[in-house]
């Protein structure tokens, strides 16, 4: 009887160990395939935003393309000229800029 109980306890410990290894594997995969790339992309976007200057051509999250005419760091906004013919300027939050385009 004691032998059967010992074997049952031993198999239960092996099952817990296998479950722990499986959970650790999924945490590892989740971190390296989801969290790490997302944080890397966020850092690159933040770096791009910090390097923007006047006369840079940008794309906004609403799909508008324009040229930065003024940067207001105290309000964390930028004035973007979106129409050359009428000189239309719109104020965007810095976070609304999704990319820097070439001036071609």
PDB file of N, CA and C in Angstrom:
ATOM      1  N   UNK A   1       0.823  -1.182   0.000  1.00  0.00           N
ATOM      2  CA  UNK A   1       0.000   0.000   0.000  1.00  0.00           C
ATOM      3  C   UNK A   1       0.876   1.258   0.000  1.00  0.00           C
ATOM      4  N   UNK A   2       1.912   1.244   0.822  1.00  0.00           N
ATOM      5  CA  UNK A   2       2.804   2.400   0.865  1.00  0.00           C
ATOM      6  C   UNK A   2       3.515   2.597  -0.473  1.00  0.00           C
ATOM      7  N   UNK A   3       3.801   1.517  -1.152  1.00  0.00           N
ATOM      8  CA  UNK A   3       4.466   1.595  -2.454  1.00  0.00           C
ATOM      9  C   UNK A   3       3.557   2.270  -3.483  1.00  0.00           C
ATOM     10  N   UNK A   4       2.284   1.975  -3.455  1.00  0.00           N
ATOM     11  CA  UNK A   4       1.320   2.585  -4.388  1.00  0.00           C
ATOM     12  C   UNK A   4       1.183   4.080  -4.108  1.00  0.00           C
ATOM     13  N   UNK A   5       1.114   4.460  -2.840  1.00  0.00           N
ATOM     14  CA  UNK A   5       1.024   5.883  -2.473  1.00  0.00           C
ATOM     15  C   UNK A   5       2.282   6.638  -2.876  1.00  0.00           C
ATOM     16  N   UNK A   6       3.431   6.033  -2.722  1.00  0.00           N
ATOM     17  CA  UNK A   6       4.703   6.665  -3.097  1.00  0.00           C
ATOM     18  C   UNK A   6       4.762   6.876  -4.606  1.00  0.00           C
ATOM     19  N   UNK A   7       4.319   5.891  -5.364  1.00  0.00           N
ATOM     20  CA  UNK A   7       4.323   6.028  -6.815  1.00  0.00           C
ATOM     21  C   UNK A   7       3.341   7.103  -7.272  1.00  0.00           C
ATOM     22  N   UNK A   8       2.197   7.190  -6.625  1.00  0.00           N
ATOM     23  CA  UNK A   8       1.208   8.213  -6.972  1.00  0.00           C
ATOM     24  C   UNK A   8       1.744   9.607  -6.677  1.00  0.00           C
ATOM     25  N   UNK A   9       2.405   9.798  -5.555  1.00  0.00           N
ATOM     26  CA  UNK A   9       2.990  11.094  -5.199  1.00  0.00           C
ATOM     27  C   UNK A   9       4.099  11.467  -6.168  1.00  0.00           C
ATOM     28  N   UNK A  10       4.881  10.485  -6.572  1.00  0.00           N
ATOM     29  CA  UNK A  10       5.986  10.746  -7.494  1.00  0.00           C
ATOM     30  C   UNK A  10       5.444  11.152  -8.872  1.00  0.00           C
ATOM     31  N   UNK A  11       4.395  10.491  -9.346  1.00  0.00           N
ATOM     32  CA  UNK A  11       3.840  10.857 -10.645  1.00  0.00           C
ATOM     33  C   UNK A  11       3.167  12.224 -10.592  1.00  0.00           C
ATOM     34  N   UNK A  12       2.607  12.594  -9.437  1.00  0.00           N
ATOM     35  CA  UNK A  12       1.993  13.914  -9.291  1.00  0.00           C
ATOM     36  C   UNK A  12       3.067  15.000  -9.342  1.00  0.00           C
ATOM     37  N   UNK A  13       4.211  14.759  -8.735  1.00  0.00           N
ATOM     38  CA  UNK A  13       5.313  15.727  -8.774  1.00  0.00           C
ATOM     39  C   UNK A  13       5.835  15.880 -10.195  1.00  0.00           C
ATOM     40  N   UNK A  14       5.935  14.785 -10.933  1.00  0.00           N
ATOM     41  CA  UNK A  14       6.396  14.853 -12.319  1.00  0.00           C
ATOM     42  C   UNK A  14       5.404  15.642 -13.167  1.00  0.00           C
ATOM     43  N   UNK A  15       4.105  15.461 -12.907  1.00  0.00           N
ATOM     44  CA  UNK A  15       3.085  16.215 -13.638  1.00  0.00           C
ATOM     45  C   UNK A  15       3.177  17.703 -13.361  1.00  0.00           C
ATOM     46  N   UNK A  16       3.427  18.073 -12.114  1.00  0.00           N
ATOM     47  CA  UNK A  16       3.574  19.501 -11.766  1.00  0.00           C
ATOM     48  C   UNK A  16       4.818  20.087 -12.419  1.00  0.00           C
ATOM     49  N   UNK A  17       5.883  19.307 -12.476  1.00  0.00           N
ATOM     50  CA  UNK A  17       7.118  19.783 -13.111  1.00  0.00           C
ATOM     51  C   UNK A  17       6.888  20.014 -14.600  1.00  0.00           C
ATOM     52  N   UNK A  18       6.218  19.063 -15.262  1.00  0.00           N
ATOM     53  CA  UNK A  18       5.925  19.227 -16.688  1.00  0.00           C
ATOM     54  C   UNK A  18       5.030  20.433 -16.929  1.00  0.00           C
ATOM     55  N   UNK A  19       4.053  20.649 -16.079  1.00  0.00           N
ATOM     56  CA  UNK A  19       3.166  21.795 -16.219  1.00  0.00           C
ATOM     57  C   UNK A  19       3.953  23.101 -16.019  1.00  0.00           C
ATOM     58  N   UNK A  20       4.861  23.120 -15.071  1.00  0.00           N
ATOM     59  CA  UNK A  20       5.678  24.312 -14.834  1.00  0.00           C
ATOM     60  C   UNK A  20       6.576  24.625 -16.017  1.00  0.00           C
ATOM     61  N   UNK A  21       7.153  23.600 -16.619  1.00  0.00           N
ATOM     62  CA  UNK A  21       7.998  23.798 -17.799  1.00  0.00           C
ATOM     63  C   UNK A  21       7.165  24.320 -18.966  1.00  0.00           C
ATOM     64  N   UNK A  22       5.966  23.791 -19.139  1.00  0.00           N
ATOM     65  CA  UNK A  22       5.089  24.243 -20.218  1.00  0.00           C
ATOM     66  C   UNK A  22       4.695  25.705 -20.036  1.00  0.00           C
ATOM     67  N   UNK A  23       4.347  26.088 -18.830  1.00  0.00           N
ATOM     68  CA  UNK A  23       3.983  27.480 -18.556  1.00  0.00           C
ATOM     69  C   UNK A  23       5.167  28.407 -18.802  1.00  0.00           C
ATOM     70  N   UNK A  24       6.362  27.996 -18.359  1.00  0.00           N
ATOM     71  CA  UNK A  24       7.563  28.815 -18.581  1.00  0.00           C
ATOM     72  C   UNK A  24       7.833  28.976 -20.073  1.00  0.00           C
ATOM     73  N   UNK A  25       7.625  27.923 -20.834  1.00  0.00           N
ATOM     74  CA  UNK A  25       7.829  27.998 -22.283  1.00  0.00           C
ATOM     75  C   UNK A  25       6.874  29.007 -22.912  1.00  0.00           C
ATOM     76  N   UNK A  26       5.600  28.970 -22.534  1.00  0.00           N
ATOM     77  CA  UNK A  26       4.626  29.903 -23.102  1.00  0.00           C
ATOM     78  C   UNK A  26       4.905  31.345 -22.688  1.00  0.00           C
ATOM     79  N   UNK A  27       5.361  31.566 -21.486  1.00  0.00           N
ATOM     80  CA  UNK A  27       5.743  32.923 -21.054  1.00  0.00           C
ATOM     81  C   UNK A  27       6.914  33.409 -21.887  1.00  0.00           C
ATOM     82  N   UNK A  28       7.894  32.558 -22.118  1.00  0.00           N
ATOM     83  CA  UNK A  28       9.055  32.890 -22.941  1.00  0.00           C
ATOM     84  C   UNK A  28       8.624  33.267 -24.355  1.00  0.00           C
ATOM     85  N   UNK A  29       7.771  32.444 -24.977  1.00  0.00           N
ATOM     86  CA  UNK A  29       7.302  32.704 -26.332  1.00  0.00           C
ATOM     87  C   UNK A  29       6.492  33.995 -26.377  1.00  0.00           C
ATOM     88  N   UNK A  30       5.610  34.182 -25.417  1.00  0.00           N
ATOM     89  CA  UNK A  30       4.787  35.391 -25.363  1.00  0.00           C
ATOM     90  C   UNK A  30       5.667  36.633 -25.281  1.00  0.00           C
ATOM     91  N   UNK A  31       6.698  36.606 -24.453  1.00  0.00           N
ATOM     92  CA  UNK A  31       7.580  37.768 -24.291  1.00  0.00           C
ATOM     93  C   UNK A  31       8.343  38.055 -25.577  1.00  0.00           C
ATOM     94  N   UNK A  32       8.989  37.046 -26.153  1.00  0.00           N
ATOM     95  CA  UNK A  32       9.864  37.292 -27.294  1.00  0.00           C
ATOM     96  C   UNK A  32       9.138  37.496 -28.615  1.00  0.00           C
ATOM     97  N   UNK A  33       7.898  37.045 -28.719  1.00  0.00           N
ATOM     98  CA  UNK A  33       7.187  37.233 -29.978  1.00  0.00           C
ATOM     99  C   UNK A  33       6.107  38.296 -29.930  1.00  0.00           C
ATOM    100  N   UNK A  34       5.739  38.775 -28.747  1.00  0.00           N
ATOM    101  CA  UNK A  34       4.683  39.782 -28.664  1.00  0.00           C
ATOM    102  C   UNK A  34       5.166  41.036 -27.935  1.00  0.00           C
ATOM    103  N   UNK A  35       5.609  40.898 -26.712  1.00  0.00           N
ATOM    104  CA  UNK A  35       5.943  42.068 -25.891  1.00  0.00           C
ATOM    105  C   UNK A  35       7.203  42.763 -26.383  1.00  0.00           C
ATOM    106  N   UNK A  36       8.270  42.021 -26.613  1.00  0.00           N
ATOM    107  CA  UNK A  36       9.555  42.618 -27.002  1.00  0.00           C
ATOM    108  C   UNK A  36       9.472  43.378 -28.335  1.00  0.00           C
ATOM    109  N   UNK A  37       8.910  42.796 -29.400  1.00  0.00           N
ATOM    110  CA  UNK A  37       8.819  43.562 -30.654  1.00  0.00           C
ATOM    111  C   UNK A  37       7.952  44.806 -30.533  1.00  0.00           C
ATOM    112  N   UNK A  38       6.888  44.718 -29.747  1.00  0.00           N
ATOM    113  CA  UNK A  38       6.002  45.872 -29.592  1.00  0.00           C
ATOM    114  C   UNK A  38       6.720  47.005 -28.857  1.00  0.00           C
ATOM    115  N   UNK A  39       7.475  46.693 -27.820  1.00  0.00           N
ATOM    116  CA  UNK A  39       8.190  47.743 -27.099  1.00  0.00           C
ATOM    117  C   UNK A  39       9.320  48.313 -27.955  1.00  0.00           C
ATOM    118  N   UNK A  40       9.943  47.475 -28.775  1.00  0.00           N
ATOM    119  CA  UNK A  40      10.997  47.960 -29.672  1.00  0.00           C
ATOM    120  C   UNK A  40      10.418  48.937 -30.695  1.00  0.00           C
ATOM    121  N   UNK A  41       9.247  48.597 -31.243  1.00  0.00           N
ATOM    122  CA  UNK A  41       8.598  49.475 -32.215  1.00  0.00           C
ATOM    123  C   UNK A  41       8.194  50.798 -31.564  1.00  0.00           C
ATOM    124  N   UNK A  42       7.717  50.753 -30.323  1.00  0.00           N
ATOM    125  CA  UNK A  42       7.324  51.971 -29.609  1.00  0.00           C
ATOM    126  C   UNK A  42       8.537  52.867 -29.374  1.00  0.00           C
ATOM    127  N   UNK A  43       9.675  52.279 -29.044  1.00  0.00           N
ATOM    128  CA  UNK A  43      10.896  53.076 -28.845  1.00  0.00           C
ATOM    129  C   UNK A  43      11.342  53.732 -30.147  1.00  0.00           C
ATOM    130  N   UNK A  44      11.263  52.991 -31.263  1.00  0.00           N
ATOM    131  CA  UNK A  44      11.634  53.562 -32.560  1.00  0.00           C
ATOM    132  C   UNK A  44      10.707  54.715 -32.933  1.00  0.00           C
ATOM    133  N   UNK A  45       9.412  54.570 -32.655  1.00  0.00           N
ATOM    134  CA  UNK A  45       8.444  55.640 -32.959  1.00  0.00           C
ATOM    135  C   UNK A  45       8.733  56.873 -32.098  1.00  0.00           C
ATOM    136  N   UNK A  46       9.029  56.657 -30.828  1.00  0.00           N
ATOM    137  CA  UNK A  46       9.350  57.775 -29.932  1.00  0.00           C
ATOM    138  C   UNK A  46      10.620  58.489 -30.387  1.00  0.00           C
ATOM    139  N   UNK A  47      11.601  57.723 -30.854  1.00  0.00           N
ATOM    140  CA  UNK A  47      12.850  58.318 -31.358  1.00  0.00           C
ATOM    141  C   UNK A  47      12.566  59.150 -32.606  1.00  0.00           C
ATOM    142  N   UNK A  48      11.723  58.617 -33.517  1.00  0.00           N
ATOM    143  CA  UNK A  48      11.375  59.349 -34.727  1.00  0.00           C
ATOM    144  C   UNK A  48      10.662  60.658 -34.373  1.00  0.00           C
ATOM    145  N   UNK A  49       9.760  60.618 -33.398  1.00  0.00           N
ATOM    146  CA  UNK A  49       9.053  61.833 -32.990  1.00  0.00           C
ATOM    147  C   UNK A  49       9.998  62.867 -32.398  1.00  0.00           C
ATOM    148  N   UNK A  50      10.970  62.421 -31.639  1.00  0.00           N
ATOM    149  CA  UNK A  50      11.902  63.366 -31.007  1.00  0.00           C
ATOM    150  C   UNK A  50      12.855  63.997 -32.026  1.00  0.00           C
ATOM    151  N   UNK A  51      13.050  63.343 -33.176  1.00  0.00           N
ATOM    152  CA  UNK A  51      13.976  63.862 -34.190  1.00  0.00           C
ATOM    153  C   UNK A  51      13.291  64.705 -35.268  1.00  0.00           C
ATOM    154  N   UNK A  52      11.977  64.917 -35.152  1.00  0.00           N
ATOM    155  CA  UNK A  52      11.271  65.719 -36.156  1.00  0.00           C
ATOM    156  C   UNK A  52      11.668  67.184 -36.061  1.00  0.00           C
ATOM    157  N   UNK A  53      11.787  67.825 -37.209  1.00  0.00           N
ATOM    158  CA  UNK A  53      12.160  69.232 -37.280  1.00  0.00           C
ATOM    159  C   UNK A  53      11.199  69.967 -38.203  1.00  0.00           C
ATOM    160  N   UNK A  54      11.285  71.291 -38.196  1.00  0.00           N
ATOM    161  CA  UNK A  54      10.509  72.121 -39.112  1.00  0.00           C
ATOM    162  C   UNK A  54      10.920  71.757 -40.543  1.00  0.00           C
ATOM    163  N   UNK A  55       9.972  71.767 -41.462  1.00  0.00           N
ATOM    164  CA  UNK A  55      10.122  71.431 -42.884  1.00  0.00           C
ATOM    165  C   UNK A  55      10.221  69.932 -43.154  1.00  0.00           C
ATOM    166  N   UNK A  56       9.978  69.088 -42.161  1.00  0.00           N
ATOM    167  CA  UNK A  56       9.909  67.648 -42.394  1.00  0.00           C
ATOM    168  C   UNK A  56       8.521  67.298 -42.904  1.00  0.00           C
ATOM    169  N   UNK A  57       8.459  66.417 -43.884  1.00  0.00           N
ATOM    170  CA  UNK A  57       7.191  65.954 -44.423  1.00  0.00           C
ATOM    171  C   UNK A  57       6.736  64.763 -43.586  1.00  0.00           C
ATOM    172  N   UNK A  58       5.483  64.818 -43.091  1.00  0.00           N
ATOM    173  CA  UNK A  58       5.003  63.795 -42.169  1.00  0.00           C
ATOM    174  C   UNK A  58       3.649  63.255 -42.604  1.00  0.00           C
ATOM    175  N   UNK A  59       3.344  62.072 -42.083  1.00  0.00           N
ATOM    176  CA  UNK A  59       2.048  61.425 -42.268  1.00  0.00           C
ATOM    177  C   UNK A  59       1.385  61.349 -40.906  1.00  0.00           C
ATOM    178  N   UNK A  60       0.108  61.771 -40.842  1.00  0.00           N
ATOM    179  CA  UNK A  60      -0.608  61.735 -39.573  1.00  0.00           C
ATOM    180  C   UNK A  60      -1.459  60.468 -39.483  1.00  0.00           C
ATOM    181  N   UNK A  61      -1.962  60.190 -38.296  1.00  0.00           N
ATOM    182  CA  UNK A  61      -2.785  59.001 -38.089  1.00  0.00           C
ATOM    183  C   UNK A  61      -4.110  59.089 -38.835  1.00  0.00           C
ATOM    184  N   UNK A  62      -4.534  60.285 -39.201  1.00  0.00           N
ATOM    185  CA  UNK A  62      -5.772  60.444 -39.962  1.00  0.00           C
ATOM    186  C   UNK A  62      -5.539  60.322 -41.461  1.00  0.00           C
ATOM    187  N   UNK A  63      -4.281  60.137 -41.875  1.00  0.00           N
ATOM    188  CA  UNK A  63      -3.964  59.961 -43.285  1.00  0.00           C
ATOM    189  C   UNK A  63      -3.563  61.236 -44.000  1.00  0.00           C
ATOM    190  N   UNK A  64      -3.489  62.350 -43.280  1.00  0.00           N
ATOM    191  CA  UNK A  64      -3.091  63.613 -43.906  1.00  0.00           C
ATOM    192  C   UNK A  64      -1.571  63.666 -44.035  1.00  0.00           C
ATOM    193  N   UNK A  65      -1.135  64.205 -45.150  1.00  0.00           N
ATOM    194  CA  UNK A  65       0.291  64.394 -45.393  1.00  0.00           C
ATOM    195  C   UNK A  65       0.542  65.888 -45.424  1.00  0.00           C
ATOM    196  N   UNK A  66       1.566  66.326 -44.717  1.00  0.00           N
ATOM    197  CA  UNK A  66       1.872  67.744 -44.676  1.00  0.00           C
ATOM    198  C   UNK A  66       3.301  67.990 -44.255  1.00  0.00           C
ATOM    199  N   UNK A  67       3.622  69.275 -44.158  1.00  0.00           N
ATOM    200  CA  UNK A  67       4.976  69.701 -43.784  1.00  0.00           C
ATOM    201  C   UNK A  67       4.890  70.462 -42.472  1.00  0.00           C
ATOM    202  N   UNK A  68       5.756  70.118 -41.547  1.00  0.00           N
ATOM    203  CA  UNK A  68       5.776  70.782 -40.241  1.00  0.00           C
ATOM    204  C   UNK A  68       6.243  72.220 -40.422  1.00  0.00           C
ATOM    205  N   UNK A  69       5.458  73.169 -39.928  1.00  0.00           N
ATOM    206  CA  UNK A  69       5.847  74.571 -40.007  1.00  0.00           C
ATOM    207  C   UNK A  69       6.263  75.125 -38.647  1.00  0.00           C
ATOM    208  N   UNK A  70       5.755  74.522 -37.585  1.00  0.00           N
ATOM    209  CA  UNK A  70       6.102  75.002 -36.248  1.00  0.00           C
ATOM    210  C   UNK A  70       5.930  73.859 -35.251  1.00  0.00           C
ATOM    211  N   UNK A  71       6.847  73.793 -34.292  1.00  0.00           N
ATOM    212  CA  UNK A  71       6.768  72.793 -33.224  1.00  0.00           C
ATOM    213  C   UNK A  71       6.554  73.528 -31.912  1.00  0.00           C
ATOM    214  N   UNK A  72       5.537  73.108 -31.147  1.00  0.00           N
ATOM    215  CA  UNK A  72       5.231  73.717 -29.859  1.00  0.00           C
ATOM    216  C   UNK A  72       5.502  72.686 -28.753  1.00  0.00           C
ATOM    217  N   UNK A  73       6.720  72.663 -28.230  1.00  0.00           N
ATOM    218  CA  UNK A  73       7.048  71.642 -27.224  1.00  0.00           C
ATOM    219  C   UNK A  73       6.281  71.811 -25.915  1.00  0.00           C
ATOM    220  N   UNK A  74       5.894  73.042 -25.570  1.00  0.00           N
ATOM    221  CA  UNK A  74       5.175  73.263 -24.312  1.00  0.00           C
ATOM    222  C   UNK A  74       3.772  72.660 -24.348  1.00  0.00           C
ATOM    223  N   UNK A  75       3.170  72.593 -25.547  1.00  0.00           N
ATOM    224  CA  UNK A  75       1.839  72.002 -25.704  1.00  0.00           C
ATOM    225  C   UNK A  75       1.903  70.592 -26.288  1.00  0.00           C
ATOM    226  N   UNK A  76       3.115  70.149 -26.644  1.00  0.00           N
ATOM    227  CA  UNK A  76       3.334  68.832 -27.246  1.00  0.00           C
ATOM    228  C   UNK A  76       2.540  68.694 -28.544  1.00  0.00           C
ATOM    229  N   UNK A  77       2.548  69.776 -29.345  1.00  0.00           N
ATOM    230  CA  UNK A  77       1.824  69.787 -30.612  1.00  0.00           C
ATOM    231  C   UNK A  77       2.734  70.299 -31.723  1.00  0.00           C
ATOM    232  N   UNK A  78       2.245  70.145 -32.962  1.00  0.00           N
ATOM    233  CA  UNK A  78       2.949  70.637 -34.139  1.00  0.00           C
ATOM    234  C   UNK A  78       1.931  71.276 -35.083  1.00  0.00           C
ATOM    235  N   UNK A  79       2.345  72.327 -35.751  1.00  0.00           N
ATOM    236  CA  UNK A  79       1.529  72.935 -36.796  1.00  0.00           C
ATOM    237  C   UNK A  79       2.001  72.327 -38.117  1.00  0.00           C
ATOM    238  N   UNK A  80       1.062  71.736 -38.858  1.00  0.00           N
ATOM    239  CA  UNK A  80       1.394  71.069 -40.112  1.00  0.00           C
ATOM    240  C   UNK A  80       0.646  71.757 -41.248  1.00  0.00           C
ATOM    241  N   UNK A  81       1.389  72.154 -42.289  1.00  0.00           N
ATOM    242  CA  UNK A  81       0.777  72.753 -43.481  1.00  0.00           C
ATOM    243  C   UNK A  81       0.338  71.609 -44.391  1.00  0.00           C
ATOM    244  N   UNK A  82      -0.972  71.517 -44.626  1.00  0.00           N
ATOM    245  CA  UNK A  82      -1.508  70.396 -45.403  1.00  0.00           C
ATOM    246  C   UNK A  82      -1.929  70.799 -46.816  1.00  0.00           C
ATOM    247  N   UNK A  83      -1.979  72.104 -47.105  1.00  0.00           N
ATOM    248  CA  UNK A  83      -2.379  72.572 -48.431  1.00  0.00           C
ATOM    249  C   UNK A  83      -1.478  73.724 -48.835  1.00  0.00           C
ATOM    250  N   UNK A  84      -0.726  73.544 -49.918  1.00  0.00           N
ATOM    251  CA  UNK A  84       0.197  74.592 -50.365  1.00  0.00           C
ATOM    252  C   UNK A  84      -0.526  75.749 -51.047  1.00  0.00           C
ATOM    253  N   UNK A  85      -1.615  75.472 -51.752  1.00  0.00           N
ATOM    254  CA  UNK A  85      -2.314  76.525 -52.489  1.00  0.00           C
ATOM    255  C   UNK A  85      -2.964  77.537 -51.551  1.00  0.00           C
ATOM    256  N   UNK A  86      -3.651  77.069 -50.533  1.00  0.00           N
ATOM    257  CA  UNK A  86      -4.339  77.964 -49.604  1.00  0.00           C
ATOM    258  C   UNK A  86      -3.529  78.212 -48.336  1.00  0.00           C
ATOM    259  N   UNK A  87      -2.477  77.460 -48.144  1.00  0.00           N
ATOM    260  CA  UNK A  87      -1.660  77.621 -46.938  1.00  0.00           C
ATOM    261  C   UNK A  87      -2.356  77.107 -45.687  1.00  0.00           C
ATOM    262  N   UNK A  88      -3.217  76.127 -45.837  1.00  0.00           N
ATOM    263  CA  UNK A  88      -3.968  75.593 -44.697  1.00  0.00           C
ATOM    264  C   UNK A  88      -3.023  74.915 -43.718  1.00  0.00           C
ATOM    265  N   UNK A  89      -3.150  75.328 -42.462  1.00  0.00           N
ATOM    266  CA  UNK A  89      -2.318  74.751 -41.408  1.00  0.00           C
ATOM    267  C   UNK A  89      -3.227  74.161 -40.336  1.00  0.00           C
ATOM    268  N   UNK A  90      -2.847  72.994 -39.841  1.00  0.00           N
ATOM    269  CA  UNK A  90      -3.619  72.311 -38.804  1.00  0.00           C
ATOM    270  C   UNK A  90      -2.672  71.950 -37.667  1.00  0.00           C
ATOM    271  N   UNK A  91      -3.168  72.113 -36.442  1.00  0.00           N
ATOM    272  CA  UNK A  91      -2.366  71.766 -35.271  1.00  0.00           C
ATOM    273  C   UNK A  91      -2.667  70.318 -34.879  1.00  0.00           C
ATOM    274  N   UNK A  92      -1.617  69.504 -34.804  1.00  0.00           N
ATOM    275  CA  UNK A  92      -1.742  68.095 -34.433  1.00  0.00           C
ATOM    276  C   UNK A  92      -0.962  67.827 -33.157  1.00  0.00           C
ATOM    277  N   UNK A  93      -1.461  66.898 -32.369  1.00  0.00           N
ATOM    278  CA  UNK A  93      -0.668  66.425 -31.244  1.00  0.00           C
ATOM    279  C   UNK A  93       0.516  65.649 -31.803  1.00  0.00           C
ATOM    280  N   UNK A  94       1.603  65.666 -31.075  1.00  0.00           N
ATOM    281  CA  UNK A  94       2.814  64.973 -31.512  1.00  0.00           C
ATOM    282  C   UNK A  94       2.538  63.481 -31.721  1.00  0.00           C
ATOM    283  N   UNK A  95       1.702  62.900 -30.879  1.00  0.00           N
ATOM    284  CA  UNK A  95       1.419  61.471 -30.972  1.00  0.00           C
ATOM    285  C   UNK A  95       0.599  61.110 -32.211  1.00  0.00           C
ATOM    286  N   UNK A  96      -0.003  62.095 -32.890  1.00  0.00           N
ATOM    287  CA  UNK A  96      -0.782  61.831 -34.097  1.00  0.00           C
ATOM    288  C   UNK A  96       0.106  61.650 -35.321  1.00  0.00           C
ATOM    289  N   UNK A  97       1.379  61.937 -35.205  1.00  0.00           N
ATOM    290  CA  UNK A  97       2.316  61.752 -36.312  1.00  0.00           C
ATOM    291  C   UNK A  97       2.749  60.287 -36.313  1.00  0.00           C
ATOM    292  N   UNK A  98       2.508  59.601 -37.431  1.00  0.00           N
ATOM    293  CA  UNK A  98       2.843  58.178 -37.489  1.00  0.00           C
ATOM    294  C   UNK A  98       4.093  57.893 -38.306  1.00  0.00           C
ATOM    295  N   UNK A  99       4.528  58.850 -39.094  1.00  0.00           N
ATOM    296  CA  UNK A  99       5.727  58.590 -39.887  1.00  0.00           C
ATOM    297  C   UNK A  99       6.292  59.838 -40.521  1.00  0.00           C
ATOM    298  N   UNK A 100       7.574  59.755 -40.805  1.00  0.00           N
ATOM    299  CA  UNK A 100       8.267  60.835 -41.509  1.00  0.00           C
ATOM    300  C   UNK A 100       8.477  60.373 -42.937  1.00  0.00           C
ATOM    301  N   UNK A 101       8.097  61.220 -43.895  1.00  0.00           N
ATOM    302  CA  UNK A 101       8.220  60.886 -45.313  1.00  0.00           C
ATOM    303  C   UNK A 101       9.385  61.636 -45.906  1.00  0.00           C
ATOM    304  N   UNK A 102       9.873  61.157 -47.033  1.00  0.00           N
ATOM    305  CA  UNK A 102      10.932  61.879 -47.726  1.00  0.00           C
ATOM    306  C   UNK A 102      10.319  63.087 -48.429  1.00  0.00           C
ATOM    307  N   UNK A 103      11.096  64.104 -48.658  1.00  0.00           N
ATOM    308  CA  UNK A 103      10.596  65.351 -49.241  1.00  0.00           C
ATOM    309  C   UNK A 103      10.525  65.305 -50.759  1.00  0.00           C
ATOM    310  N   UNK A 104      10.483  64.120 -51.356  1.00  0.00           N
ATOM    311  CA  UNK A 104      10.425  63.996 -52.815  1.00  0.00           C
ATOM    312  C   UNK A 104       9.074  64.414 -53.338  1.00  0.00           C
TER     313      UNK A 104
END
